[in-house]
Amino acid sequence: MDVLLVLLPLAFLILVAYRGFNVILFAPLAALLAVLLANPAYVLPFFSGVFLDKLAGFIKLYFPVFLLGAVLGKLIEMAGYAKSISTAVIAIIGKNRAMLAVVLVGAILSYGGVSLFVVVFAIYPFAAELFKASDIPKRLIPATIGLGSFTFTMDALPGTPQIQNIIPTTFFNTDAWAAPWLGICGSIFIFSIGMFYLQWQRNLAIQTGEGYGKNHLNEPERRAETTLPSVGIAVLPLLVVTVFNKVFTKLIPQYYGKTFDFTSLGMEGIPPIEISKLTAVWAVEGALVLGILTVLVFAFRAIKTGFTAGLNLAIGGALLATLNTASEYGFGAVIAALPGFKVVSTGIASLFKDPLVNEAVTTTTLAGITGSGSGGLSISLALMSKTYLEQATQLGIDPEVLHRVAAMACGGMDSLPHNGALITLLAVTGLTHKQAYKDIFILTLVKTAAVFFVIALYYGFGIV
């Protein structure tokens, strides 16, 4: 019965998300449904003391990253930089490789710090144009965008400024560049198998005579041709983010030391800040600010007309993305507090004694339950990071490996139908779960397999 109380709200949340309802409302309803069935007297305490507390904590720590990434992405789009990068990629690899072009552009933008939600809006118009010209089924667009933006550049490639790669730093005292070779190997694994699958699906479509299709929703309007900025200028903000993310990661601990104590300023009642747990977050935020300033310096004339409207859209998008993720995080926290989850976690621990495998399975399971990679990752590490560190120390496992495995695992089963980014992706492309989810789920399996691939690499060859 206890386990059923974990599975029932999850099934409910997946169902309502599949039907297009917003998880900001239905995640707390699903969580409180589980509490109601367990003990009605606990509903209000769990709502305020667990759900809202975890939601607020997530927003407090990570909202600036979502906000700055969304602003950077919107400015890059308004300045024509996304279009310039897309055009340059197409010129290099050719229009006949439409899927590869979409994947590469998504990878460049997401690794450069653009919010994953914003990448979808920036890439979709040019992806639809390329797929239509090449007569590739539109149903493959979400999986193609997802491969470039929601997989290896989200949490596998070392240095990526996406939130999924930042969260482990606050638990393991690592930085965004943790276990670089494992991350690179995992990225190659995901990219290679993902592209093979997408090409295979395209070949099947050719054989059956399936083309782009007709009467689709949300088809992008063809925009008038304009002079594009040079690709060198277009990629400059992304390079600034990448470089200064690394620079700030090194400089912040040197400047502040191990802790910042407010009592030295005569401020009582504020606990000291442990700098190592916030270094990666601050480094990404600082790098994103410099990336935004770079766009403003080089493209202010191009963006000044619609600057206010664009900024408001970016802020609204960041709020929506943050609340989606935070609400799912709160949902997961409530589920994790129920007796049924303890049965599940104990079962995982008894089945998988190895800390890396246990971490991978627990994290991807929680990501699936919450429908959020960052939410599942935060819950998993909040519950188990100390145990993982103790076990890793006994076995001589570098904490950087724990970081990379956790980050990659959170991007595994998180993309179940109730995932917020997935719902956004389908809404933007004008497609339904029924039309496009199968291909996304295949990539979900590839992404999950990649975690165990890097664990095998580490144990087999000692690669870090």
Foldseek 3Di string as FASTA:
>chain_A
DLLVLLVVLLVVLLVVLQVPDALLPSLLVSLLVSVCVVPVVCSVVLVPVFLVVLLVVLCVQCLLLLLLLLLLLLLLLLLQLLVQQLVVLCVVPHLLPLLVSLLQSQQLSQQLRHALLSSLVSRQQVSLVSQQVNFFALLCVLLSSCLNHQALLQFQAAQRLHLLLLQLQLLLLDASRFLHVLSVVLNCLLNVVLVVVSVVNRVVCVVVVRGHDDPFPQRDDDDDDDDHDHNVLSSVLSVLLRVQLVVQLVVVCVVCPQWACCVVVVDPDDHIGGCSSCSNVVSNSVSSVVSSVSSCVPRVVSCVVCVVVSSVVSNVVSVSVSSSLSSLLSSLRSSCPGPSVVVVLVVLCVVDVQLLSSLLVQQLVSLLSSLHLSSSLNVSSVVPSVVSVVNCVVVVHRSSLVSSLSSLSSSANSNRSSRPSSSSSCVNSRHHCVSHVVSNNVSSNSSSVSSVVSVCCCVVPVRD
